[in-house]
Amino acid sequence: MPGTRLQRQARTGSGFTPSGSRPQVRRLICLLLAALGATVLLAARVDRRASRLLAPYLLWAGYAAALNLALWLTN
């Protein structure tokens, strides 16, 4: 039996990638930022308000990625 998601996360350290897999984490962050950027741009075509509401999430994800990179470089 595979166990619950919480148990899997406790074993791997993350819900997305195995712990210690830095290249996978970097790719995941880049894909996330690219997908968010594309979503903001495509949402602007449909409804500018929707695009403006998504922009803070894109900024926050970029900030979190920068913090992640800074921590990785210092360790």
C-alpha atoms as a PDB file:
ATOM      1  CA  MET A   1       0.000   0.000   0.000  1.00  0.00           C
ATOM      2  CA  PRO A   2       1.555   3.333  -1.049  1.00  0.00           C
ATOM      3  CA  GLY A   3       0.484   5.356   1.979  1.00  0.00           C
ATOM      4  CA  THR A   4      -0.998   8.798   2.246  1.00  0.00           C
ATOM      5  CA  ARG A   5       0.358  11.879   0.546  1.00  0.00           C
ATOM      6  CA  LEU A   6       1.525  13.258   3.887  1.00  0.00           C
ATOM      7  CA  GLN A   7       3.532  10.094   4.516  1.00  0.00           C
ATOM      8  CA  ARG A   8       5.119  10.307   1.060  1.00  0.00           C
ATOM      9  CA  GLN A   9       6.026  13.947   1.676  1.00  0.00           C
ATOM     10  CA  ALA A  10       7.600  13.066   5.003  1.00  0.00           C
ATOM     11  CA  ARG A  11       9.737  10.408   3.290  1.00  0.00           C
ATOM     12  CA  THR A  12      10.852  12.572   0.346  1.00  0.00           C
ATOM     13  CA  GLY A  13      10.964  16.010   1.966  1.00  0.00           C
ATOM     14  CA  SER A  14       8.827  17.576  -0.753  1.00  0.00           C
ATOM     15  CA  GLY A  15       5.531  16.960  -2.486  1.00  0.00           C
ATOM     16  CA  PHE A  16       7.082  17.415  -5.934  1.00  0.00           C
ATOM     17  CA  THR A  17      10.636  16.141  -6.103  1.00  0.00           C
ATOM     18  CA  PRO A  18      12.914  13.908  -4.061  1.00  0.00           C
ATOM     19  CA  SER A  19      15.008  15.710  -1.482  1.00  0.00           C
ATOM     20  CA  GLY A  20      18.467  16.609  -2.691  1.00  0.00           C
ATOM     21  CA  SER A  21      17.418  16.776  -6.341  1.00  0.00           C
ATOM     22  CA  ARG A  22      18.426  20.361  -7.082  1.00  0.00           C
ATOM     23  CA  PRO A  23      18.271  20.204 -10.903  1.00  0.00           C
ATOM     24  CA  GLN A  24      14.711  18.911 -10.712  1.00  0.00           C
ATOM     25  CA  VAL A  25      13.743  21.655  -8.287  1.00  0.00           C
ATOM     26  CA  ARG A  26      15.289  24.350 -10.502  1.00  0.00           C
ATOM     27  CA  ARG A  27      13.452  23.001 -13.555  1.00  0.00           C
ATOM     28  CA  LEU A  28      10.206  22.906 -11.613  1.00  0.00           C
ATOM     29  CA  ILE A  29      10.598  26.527 -10.486  1.00  0.00           C
ATOM     30  CA  CYS A  30      11.440  27.657 -14.023  1.00  0.00           C
ATOM     31  CA  LEU A  31       8.412  25.814 -15.407  1.00  0.00           C
ATOM     32  CA  LEU A  32       6.206  27.349 -12.738  1.00  0.00           C
ATOM     33  CA  LEU A  33       7.406  30.876 -13.499  1.00  0.00           C
ATOM     34  CA  ALA A  34       7.035  30.334 -17.255  1.00  0.00           C
ATOM     35  CA  ALA A  35       3.531  28.939 -16.839  1.00  0.00           C
ATOM     36  CA  LEU A  36       2.548  31.824 -14.572  1.00  0.00           C
ATOM     37  CA  GLY A  37       3.945  34.380 -17.000  1.00  0.00           C
ATOM     38  CA  ALA A  38       2.089  32.795 -19.908  1.00  0.00           C
ATOM     39  CA  THR A  39      -1.108  32.664 -17.870  1.00  0.00           C
ATOM     40  CA  VAL A  40      -0.846  36.357 -16.993  1.00  0.00           C
ATOM     41  CA  LEU A  41      -0.277  37.263 -20.654  1.00  0.00           C
ATOM     42  CA  LEU A  42      -3.100  35.066 -21.923  1.00  0.00           C
ATOM     43  CA  ALA A  43      -5.458  36.289 -19.224  1.00  0.00           C
ATOM     44  CA  ALA A  44      -4.803  39.868 -20.349  1.00  0.00           C
ATOM     45  CA  ARG A  45      -6.314  39.005 -23.726  1.00  0.00           C
ATOM     46  CA  VAL A  46      -9.539  37.828 -22.092  1.00  0.00           C
ATOM     47  CA  ASP A  47      -9.888  40.121 -19.099  1.00  0.00           C
ATOM     48  CA  ARG A  48      -7.359  42.710 -17.918  1.00  0.00           C
ATOM     49  CA  ARG A  49      -8.676  42.509 -14.352  1.00  0.00           C
ATOM     50  CA  ALA A  50      -7.926  38.784 -14.244  1.00  0.00           C
ATOM     51  CA  SER A  51      -4.398  39.467 -15.448  1.00  0.00           C
ATOM     52  CA  ARG A  52      -3.881  42.122 -12.770  1.00  0.00           C
ATOM     53  CA  LEU A  53      -5.138  39.728 -10.117  1.00  0.00           C
ATOM     54  CA  LEU A  54      -2.628  37.083 -11.209  1.00  0.00           C
ATOM     55  CA  ALA A  55       0.335  39.480 -11.303  1.00  0.00           C
ATOM     56  CA  PRO A  56       0.989  39.468  -7.507  1.00  0.00           C
ATOM     57  CA  TYR A  57       1.140  35.669  -7.570  1.00  0.00           C
ATOM     58  CA  LEU A  58       3.737  35.833 -10.346  1.00  0.00           C
ATOM     59  CA  LEU A  59       5.744  38.393  -8.356  1.00  0.00           C
ATOM     60  CA  TRP A  60       5.533  36.310  -5.193  1.00  0.00           C
ATOM     61  CA  ALA A  61       6.646  33.156  -7.024  1.00  0.00           C
ATOM     62  CA  GLY A  62       9.592  35.078  -8.501  1.00  0.00           C
ATOM     63  CA  TYR A  63      10.532  36.379  -5.055  1.00  0.00           C
ATOM     64  CA  ALA A  64      10.326  32.865  -3.589  1.00  0.00           C
ATOM     65  CA  ALA A  65      12.494  31.558  -6.437  1.00  0.00           C
ATOM     66  CA  ALA A  66      15.086  34.268  -5.750  1.00  0.00           C
ATOM     67  CA  LEU A  67      15.119  33.339  -2.052  1.00  0.00           C
ATOM     68  CA  ASN A  68      15.486  29.685  -2.972  1.00  0.00           C
ATOM     69  CA  LEU A  69      18.440  30.515  -5.232  1.00  0.00           C
ATOM     70  CA  ALA A  70      20.076  32.675  -2.566  1.00  0.00           C
ATOM     71  CA  LEU A  71      19.763  29.908   0.027  1.00  0.00           C
ATOM     72  CA  TRP A  72      21.104  27.359  -2.409  1.00  0.00           C
ATOM     73  CA  LEU A  73      24.112  29.524  -3.259  1.00  0.00           C
ATOM     74  CA  THR A  74      24.963  30.197   0.397  1.00  0.00           C
ATOM     75  CA  ASN A  75      24.737  26.542   1.382  1.00  0.00           C
END
